[in-house]
Amino acid sequence: MKTKQTIAIIGASGNMGSAISRSLSKGNYRLLLCANDLNKLQAIAADIKSSNLGADVEASDCSRDASWEADIIIVAVPYSAEKEVADRIKEVANQKIVISIANPLNDTYDGLVTAPDTSAAEELQKLLPNSKVVKAFNTTFAADFATPVIDGRQVDAFIAGHDEEALRTVTELVETAGFHPIVAGDLAVSGTLERMQLLLIQLNMKYDYNWLAGWKILHH
């Protein structure tokens, strides 16, 4: 039997963090939910366990301790908070998979705050040079995790990274969450993926998709 991997989800009390936590609790993982609001975290953990009695979920208010125990670290925080998180986990994230879900949006949602030749994921890799940073879950809305099949089609979720083994592991996470995984390329593709989600957010605001929308590549 495959060894159960431990996943630390930093920012698990947020919309995306809690959605990812609920989805991954269906898999053979031990989840360590991390955030500053321990009461909210404990409520989320209790809710997950009540709907999935077999879920292995714990709440923690210390991202460093949880990351030390984890095999995989999901940084489910806004781009503006990534540096602070990276500083906190740098020593315990060596050689571990660190997933960047952030989209570096500006305040008016009409552009990104990162330079054209970089991305949130690439900036996180610079901050964590000894970790295996993978871009994932940034092209999906939080609502999609509860409804990964929209209008009869399974939503695609794109992944980018340099390390082949890490990409395989994250592909399994994406499948567990209910999405169709597509490895888009190495970490440099992250900028494209972040701009894709900026566009989807803009379209959602224009056409009122009610935050239930996703990308789908149609092909033979």
C-alpha atoms as a PDB file:
ATOM      1  CA  MET A   1       0.000   0.000   0.000  1.00  0.00           C
ATOM      2  CA  LYS A   2       1.246   3.463  -0.890  1.00  0.00           C
ATOM      3  CA  THR A   3       2.600   5.488   2.042  1.00  0.00           C
ATOM      4  CA  LYS A   4       0.214   8.225   3.137  1.00  0.00           C
ATOM      5  CA  GLN A   5       1.679  11.626   2.316  1.00  0.00           C
ATOM      6  CA  THR A   6       1.319  14.577   4.661  1.00  0.00           C
ATOM      7  CA  ILE A   7       0.172  17.869   3.141  1.00  0.00           C
ATOM      8  CA  ALA A   8       0.388  21.214   4.911  1.00  0.00           C
ATOM      9  CA  ILE A   9      -2.137  23.729   3.590  1.00  0.00           C
ATOM     10  CA  ILE A  10      -1.062  27.204   4.650  1.00  0.00           C
ATOM     11  CA  GLY A  11      -3.975  29.628   4.539  1.00  0.00           C
ATOM     12  CA  ALA A  12      -6.514  26.820   4.918  1.00  0.00           C
ATOM     13  CA  SER A  13      -9.115  29.140   6.444  1.00  0.00           C
ATOM     14  CA  GLY A  14      -9.471  31.152   3.217  1.00  0.00           C
ATOM     15  CA  ASN A  15     -11.885  30.415   0.366  1.00  0.00           C
ATOM     16  CA  MET A  16      -9.317  28.612  -1.776  1.00  0.00           C
ATOM     17  CA  GLY A  17      -7.477  26.993   1.121  1.00  0.00           C
ATOM     18  CA  SER A  18     -10.627  25.525   2.629  1.00  0.00           C
ATOM     19  CA  ALA A  19     -11.890  24.378  -0.787  1.00  0.00           C
ATOM     20  CA  ILE A  20      -8.595  22.604  -1.492  1.00  0.00           C
ATOM     21  CA  SER A  21      -8.640  21.058   2.009  1.00  0.00           C
ATOM     22  CA  ARG A  22     -12.147  19.674   1.571  1.00  0.00           C
ATOM     23  CA  SER A  23     -11.295  18.222  -1.840  1.00  0.00           C
ATOM     24  CA  LEU A  24      -8.023  16.590  -0.831  1.00  0.00           C
ATOM     25  CA  SER A  25      -9.589  15.076   2.308  1.00  0.00           C
ATOM     26  CA  LYS A  26     -11.152  12.522  -0.065  1.00  0.00           C
ATOM     27  CA  GLY A  27      -7.688  11.145  -0.868  1.00  0.00           C
ATOM     28  CA  ASN A  28      -5.205   9.032   1.050  1.00  0.00           C
ATOM     29  CA  TYR A  29      -3.504  12.038   2.638  1.00  0.00           C
ATOM     30  CA  ARG A  30      -2.867  13.410   6.099  1.00  0.00           C
ATOM     31  CA  LEU A  31      -3.848  17.070   6.012  1.00  0.00           C
ATOM     32  CA  LEU A  32      -2.376  19.716   8.311  1.00  0.00           C
ATOM     33  CA  LEU A  33      -4.520  22.856   8.036  1.00  0.00           C
ATOM     34  CA  CYS A  34      -2.635  26.033   8.933  1.00  0.00           C
ATOM     35  CA  ALA A  35      -3.844  29.611   9.474  1.00  0.00           C
ATOM     36  CA  ASN A  36      -3.790  32.333  12.094  1.00  0.00           C
ATOM     37  CA  ASP A  37      -7.472  31.877  12.998  1.00  0.00           C
ATOM     38  CA  LEU A  38      -7.339  28.565  14.869  1.00  0.00           C
ATOM     39  CA  ASN A  39     -11.040  28.611  15.794  1.00  0.00           C
ATOM     40  CA  LYS A  40     -12.062  28.914  12.140  1.00  0.00           C
ATOM     41  CA  LEU A  41      -9.574  26.172  11.205  1.00  0.00           C
ATOM     42  CA  GLN A  42     -10.922  23.813  13.838  1.00  0.00           C
ATOM     43  CA  ALA A  43     -14.461  24.406  12.552  1.00  0.00           C
ATOM     44  CA  ILE A  44     -13.345  23.577   8.994  1.00  0.00           C
ATOM     45  CA  ALA A  45     -11.533  20.436  10.184  1.00  0.00           C
ATOM     46  CA  ALA A  46     -14.606  19.330  12.175  1.00  0.00           C
ATOM     47  CA  ASP A  47     -16.847  19.962   9.160  1.00  0.00           C
ATOM     48  CA  ILE A  48     -14.559  17.882   6.926  1.00  0.00           C
ATOM     49  CA  LYS A  49     -14.559  15.010   9.426  1.00  0.00           C
ATOM     50  CA  SER A  50     -18.349  15.112   9.807  1.00  0.00           C
ATOM     51  CA  SER A  51     -18.830  14.731   6.053  1.00  0.00           C
ATOM     52  CA  ASN A  52     -15.938  12.280   5.631  1.00  0.00           C
ATOM     53  CA  LEU A  53     -15.420  10.113   8.712  1.00  0.00           C
ATOM     54  CA  GLY A  54     -12.210   8.644   7.304  1.00  0.00           C
ATOM     55  CA  ALA A  55     -10.532  12.006   6.729  1.00  0.00           C
ATOM     56  CA  ASP A  56      -7.143  12.473   8.413  1.00  0.00           C
ATOM     57  CA  VAL A  57      -7.233  16.201   9.195  1.00  0.00           C
ATOM     58  CA  GLU A  58      -5.612  18.348  11.889  1.00  0.00           C
ATOM     59  CA  ALA A  59      -5.743  22.086  12.560  1.00  0.00           C
ATOM     60  CA  SER A  60      -2.621  24.086  13.424  1.00  0.00           C
ATOM     61  CA  ASP A  61      -1.870  27.780  13.853  1.00  0.00           C
ATOM     62  CA  CYS A  62       1.834  27.356  13.126  1.00  0.00           C
ATOM     63  CA  SER A  63       2.759  27.007   9.457  1.00  0.00           C
ATOM     64  CA  ARG A  64       6.413  26.297  10.245  1.00  0.00           C
ATOM     65  CA  ASP A  65       5.665  23.291  12.463  1.00  0.00           C
ATOM     66  CA  ALA A  66       3.130  21.893  10.010  1.00  0.00           C
ATOM     67  CA  SER A  67       5.536  22.396   7.110  1.00  0.00           C
ATOM     68  CA  TRP A  68       8.275  20.577   9.002  1.00  0.00           C
ATOM     69  CA  GLU A  69       6.031  17.491   9.181  1.00  0.00           C
ATOM     70  CA  ALA A  70       4.744  17.811   5.616  1.00  0.00           C
ATOM     71  CA  ASP A  71       5.878  16.103   2.416  1.00  0.00           C
ATOM     72  CA  ILE A  72       3.963  18.667   0.341  1.00  0.00           C
ATOM     73  CA  ILE A  73       3.253  22.304   1.230  1.00  0.00           C
ATOM     74  CA  ILE A  74       0.407  24.187  -0.427  1.00  0.00           C
ATOM     75  CA  VAL A  75       0.798  27.952  -0.094  1.00  0.00           C
ATOM     76  CA  ALA A  76      -2.851  29.010  -0.300  1.00  0.00           C
ATOM     77  CA  VAL A  77      -2.312  32.691   0.446  1.00  0.00           C
ATOM     78  CA  PRO A  78      -2.505  35.863  -1.671  1.00  0.00           C
ATOM     79  CA  TYR A  79       0.594  36.792  -3.641  1.00  0.00           C
ATOM     80  CA  SER A  80       1.279  39.676  -1.243  1.00  0.00           C
ATOM     81  CA  ALA A  81       1.703  37.188   1.621  1.00  0.00           C
ATOM     82  CA  GLU A  82       3.926  34.663  -0.177  1.00  0.00           C
ATOM     83  CA  LYS A  83       7.242  36.243   0.867  1.00  0.00           C
ATOM     84  CA  GLU A  84       6.302  36.179   4.550  1.00  0.00           C
ATOM     85  CA  VAL A  85       5.280  32.526   4.289  1.00  0.00           C
ATOM     86  CA  ALA A  86       8.453  31.651   2.375  1.00  0.00           C
ATOM     87  CA  ASP A  87      10.604  33.279   5.046  1.00  0.00           C
ATOM     88  CA  ARG A  88       8.816  31.227   7.700  1.00  0.00           C
ATOM     89  CA  ILE A  89       9.056  27.825   6.001  1.00  0.00           C
ATOM     90  CA  LYS A  90      12.371  28.152   4.117  1.00  0.00           C
ATOM     91  CA  GLU A  91      14.415  26.009   6.525  1.00  0.00           C
ATOM     92  CA  VAL A  92      11.852  23.189   6.671  1.00  0.00           C
ATOM     93  CA  ALA A  93      10.886  23.182   2.970  1.00  0.00           C
ATOM     94  CA  ASN A  94      14.191  21.870   1.589  1.00  0.00           C
ATOM     95  CA  GLN A  95      13.644  19.356  -1.241  1.00  0.00           C
ATOM     96  CA  LYS A  96       9.889  19.417  -0.611  1.00  0.00           C
ATOM     97  CA  ILE A  97       7.138  20.128  -3.111  1.00  0.00           C
ATOM     98  CA  VAL A  98       5.743  23.620  -2.572  1.00  0.00           C
ATOM     99  CA  ILE A  99       2.600  24.480  -4.538  1.00  0.00           C
ATOM    100  CA  SER A 100       1.957  28.087  -5.543  1.00  0.00           C
ATOM    101  CA  ILE A 101      -1.737  28.809  -6.165  1.00  0.00           C
ATOM    102  CA  ALA A 102      -1.458  32.608  -6.130  1.00  0.00           C
ATOM    103  CA  ASN A 103      -2.459  34.954  -8.937  1.00  0.00           C
ATOM    104  CA  PRO A 104      -0.637  38.297  -8.552  1.00  0.00           C
ATOM    105  CA  LEU A 105      -3.651  40.492  -9.350  1.00  0.00           C
ATOM    106  CA  ASN A 106      -3.702  44.242  -8.950  1.00  0.00           C
ATOM    107  CA  ASP A 107      -6.436  45.941  -6.912  1.00  0.00           C
ATOM    108  CA  THR A 108      -8.597  46.724  -9.949  1.00  0.00           C
ATOM    109  CA  TYR A 109      -8.345  43.247 -11.564  1.00  0.00           C
ATOM    110  CA  ASP A 110      -7.162  44.689 -14.870  1.00  0.00           C
ATOM    111  CA  GLY A 111      -3.570  43.513 -14.669  1.00  0.00           C
ATOM    112  CA  LEU A 112      -0.880  41.730 -12.692  1.00  0.00           C
ATOM    113  CA  VAL A 113       1.588  43.291 -10.260  1.00  0.00           C
ATOM    114  CA  THR A 114       4.447  41.052 -11.409  1.00  0.00           C
ATOM    115  CA  ALA A 115       6.785  41.985 -14.263  1.00  0.00           C
ATOM    116  CA  PRO A 116       5.954  40.508 -17.705  1.00  0.00           C
ATOM    117  CA  ASP A 117       8.948  38.157 -17.607  1.00  0.00           C
ATOM    118  CA  THR A 118       8.142  36.476 -14.282  1.00  0.00           C
ATOM    119  CA  SER A 119       5.276  35.031 -12.232  1.00  0.00           C
ATOM    120  CA  ALA A 120       4.178  34.451  -8.648  1.00  0.00           C
ATOM    121  CA  ALA A 121       5.450  30.863  -8.849  1.00  0.00           C
ATOM    122  CA  GLU A 122       8.854  31.854 -10.223  1.00  0.00           C
ATOM    123  CA  GLU A 123       9.209  34.504  -7.521  1.00  0.00           C
ATOM    124  CA  LEU A 124       8.359  31.885  -4.883  1.00  0.00           C
ATOM    125  CA  GLN A 125      10.998  29.558  -6.377  1.00  0.00           C
ATOM    126  CA  LYS A 126      13.585  32.333  -5.960  1.00  0.00           C
ATOM    127  CA  LEU A 127      12.584  32.663  -2.294  1.00  0.00           C
ATOM    128  CA  LEU A 128      12.743  28.864  -1.825  1.00  0.00           C
ATOM    129  CA  PRO A 129      15.697  27.844  -4.030  1.00  0.00           C
ATOM    130  CA  ASN A 130      15.990  24.372  -2.475  1.00  0.00           C
ATOM    131  CA  SER A 131      12.295  23.497  -2.833  1.00  0.00           C
ATOM    132  CA  LYS A 132      10.426  22.032  -5.805  1.00  0.00           C
ATOM    133  CA  VAL A 133       7.919  24.772  -6.594  1.00  0.00           C
ATOM    134  CA  VAL A 134       4.950  23.739  -8.728  1.00  0.00           C
ATOM    135  CA  LYS A 135       2.170  25.957 -10.047  1.00  0.00           C
ATOM    136  CA  ALA A 136      -1.269  24.407  -9.564  1.00  0.00           C
ATOM    137  CA  PHE A 137      -4.861  25.209  -8.614  1.00  0.00           C
ATOM    138  CA  ASN A 138      -4.519  28.839  -9.748  1.00  0.00           C
ATOM    139  CA  THR A 139      -6.743  28.445 -12.828  1.00  0.00           C
ATOM    140  CA  THR A 140      -9.746  27.234 -10.816  1.00  0.00           C
ATOM    141  CA  PHE A 141     -12.215  29.215  -8.719  1.00  0.00           C
ATOM    142  CA  ALA A 142     -12.954  28.102  -5.149  1.00  0.00           C
ATOM    143  CA  ALA A 143     -16.531  27.193  -6.165  1.00  0.00           C
ATOM    144  CA  ASP A 144     -15.199  24.803  -8.821  1.00  0.00           C
ATOM    145  CA  PHE A 145     -13.858  22.432  -6.152  1.00  0.00           C
ATOM    146  CA  ALA A 146     -17.399  21.559  -5.073  1.00  0.00           C
ATOM    147  CA  THR A 147     -18.490  21.385  -8.732  1.00  0.00           C
ATOM    148  CA  PRO A 148     -15.505  20.243 -10.844  1.00  0.00           C
ATOM    149  CA  VAL A 149     -17.879  19.114 -13.595  1.00  0.00           C
ATOM    150  CA  ILE A 150     -19.636  22.100 -15.188  1.00  0.00           C
ATOM    151  CA  ASP A 151     -22.252  21.672 -17.908  1.00  0.00           C
ATOM    152  CA  GLY A 152     -21.280  18.025 -18.193  1.00  0.00           C
ATOM    153  CA  ARG A 153     -17.563  18.682 -18.692  1.00  0.00           C
ATOM    154  CA  GLN A 154     -14.762  18.104 -16.217  1.00  0.00           C
ATOM    155  CA  VAL A 155     -12.828  21.317 -15.621  1.00  0.00           C
ATOM    156  CA  ASP A 156      -9.178  21.285 -16.689  1.00  0.00           C
ATOM    157  CA  ALA A 157      -6.591  22.288 -14.088  1.00  0.00           C
ATOM    158  CA  PHE A 158      -3.162  23.297 -15.330  1.00  0.00           C
ATOM    159  CA  ILE A 159       0.156  22.466 -13.691  1.00  0.00           C
ATOM    160  CA  ALA A 160       3.655  23.846 -14.302  1.00  0.00           C
ATOM    161  CA  GLY A 161       7.028  22.981 -12.812  1.00  0.00           C
ATOM    162  CA  HIS A 162      10.610  21.856 -13.414  1.00  0.00           C
ATOM    163  CA  ASP A 163      10.722  18.589 -11.436  1.00  0.00           C
ATOM    164  CA  GLU A 164       9.145  15.564 -13.167  1.00  0.00           C
ATOM    165  CA  GLU A 165       8.511  13.601  -9.979  1.00  0.00           C
ATOM    166  CA  ALA A 166       6.916  16.645  -8.344  1.00  0.00           C
ATOM    167  CA  LEU A 167       4.685  17.136 -11.391  1.00  0.00           C
ATOM    168  CA  ARG A 168       3.501  13.514 -11.146  1.00  0.00           C
ATOM    169  CA  THR A 169       2.693  13.939  -7.459  1.00  0.00           C
ATOM    170  CA  VAL A 170       0.775  17.177  -8.039  1.00  0.00           C
ATOM    171  CA  THR A 171      -1.072  15.576 -10.967  1.00  0.00           C
ATOM    172  CA  GLU A 172      -2.414  13.018  -8.473  1.00  0.00           C
ATOM    173  CA  LEU A 173      -3.543  15.839  -6.155  1.00  0.00           C
ATOM    174  CA  VAL A 174      -5.391  17.557  -8.994  1.00  0.00           C
ATOM    175  CA  GLU A 175      -7.104  14.278  -9.890  1.00  0.00           C
ATOM    176  CA  THR A 176      -8.096  13.722  -6.254  1.00  0.00           C
ATOM    177  CA  ALA A 177      -9.638  17.209  -6.212  1.00  0.00           C
ATOM    178  CA  GLY A 178     -11.813  16.141  -9.143  1.00  0.00           C
ATOM    179  CA  PHE A 179     -10.217  18.070 -11.991  1.00  0.00           C
ATOM    180  CA  HIS A 180      -8.624  16.922 -15.239  1.00  0.00           C
ATOM    181  CA  PRO A 181      -4.886  17.659 -14.855  1.00  0.00           C
ATOM    182  CA  ILE A 182      -2.860  19.110 -17.719  1.00  0.00           C
ATOM    183  CA  VAL A 183       0.891  19.596 -17.310  1.00  0.00           C
ATOM    184  CA  ALA A 184       1.402  22.797 -19.285  1.00  0.00           C
ATOM    185  CA  GLY A 185       5.192  22.974 -19.106  1.00  0.00           C
ATOM    186  CA  ASP A 186       8.004  24.083 -16.832  1.00  0.00           C
ATOM    187  CA  LEU A 187       7.701  26.822 -14.217  1.00  0.00           C
ATOM    188  CA  ALA A 188       8.133  29.588 -16.813  1.00  0.00           C
ATOM    189  CA  VAL A 189       4.623  28.746 -18.101  1.00  0.00           C
ATOM    190  CA  SER A 190       3.230  29.984 -14.776  1.00  0.00           C
ATOM    191  CA  GLY A 191       3.016  33.534 -16.095  1.00  0.00           C
ATOM    192  CA  THR A 192       0.677  32.360 -18.851  1.00  0.00           C
ATOM    193  CA  LEU A 193      -1.441  30.407 -16.353  1.00  0.00           C
ATOM    194  CA  GLU A 194      -1.718  33.434 -14.072  1.00  0.00           C
ATOM    195  CA  ARG A 195      -2.815  35.613 -16.995  1.00  0.00           C
ATOM    196  CA  MET A 196      -5.371  32.964 -17.983  1.00  0.00           C
ATOM    197  CA  GLN A 197      -6.970  33.272 -14.557  1.00  0.00           C
ATOM    198  CA  LEU A 198      -6.879  37.060 -14.719  1.00  0.00           C
ATOM    199  CA  LEU A 199      -8.870  36.772 -17.953  1.00  0.00           C
ATOM    200  CA  LEU A 200     -11.316  34.289 -16.406  1.00  0.00           C
ATOM    201  CA  ILE A 201     -11.878  36.638 -13.458  1.00  0.00           C
ATOM    202  CA  GLN A 202     -12.521  39.528 -15.861  1.00  0.00           C
ATOM    203  CA  LEU A 203     -14.970  37.399 -17.879  1.00  0.00           C
ATOM    204  CA  ASN A 204     -16.690  36.297 -14.672  1.00  0.00           C
ATOM    205  CA  MET A 205     -17.206  39.927 -13.677  1.00  0.00           C
ATOM    206  CA  LYS A 206     -18.441  40.879 -17.148  1.00  0.00           C
ATOM    207  CA  TYR A 207     -20.807  37.972 -17.768  1.00  0.00           C
ATOM    208  CA  ASP A 208     -21.733  37.048 -14.182  1.00  0.00           C
ATOM    209  CA  TYR A 209     -20.654  33.407 -14.117  1.00  0.00           C
ATOM    210  CA  ASN A 210     -21.206  33.501 -10.333  1.00  0.00           C
ATOM    211  CA  TRP A 211     -17.592  32.299  -9.836  1.00  0.00           C
ATOM    212  CA  LEU A 212     -18.524  28.887 -11.241  1.00  0.00           C
ATOM    213  CA  ALA A 213     -16.476  28.705 -14.442  1.00  0.00           C
ATOM    214  CA  GLY A 214     -13.383  26.918 -15.653  1.00  0.00           C
ATOM    215  CA  TRP A 215     -11.115  26.250 -18.600  1.00  0.00           C
ATOM    216  CA  LYS A 216     -11.630  23.283 -20.930  1.00  0.00           C
ATOM    217  CA  ILE A 217      -9.433  22.306 -23.872  1.00  0.00           C
ATOM    218  CA  LEU A 218     -11.459  20.488 -26.507  1.00  0.00           C
ATOM    219  CA  HIS A 219      -9.519  18.096 -28.718  1.00  0.00           C
ATOM    220  CA  HIS A 220      -9.711  14.780 -30.557  1.00  0.00           C
END
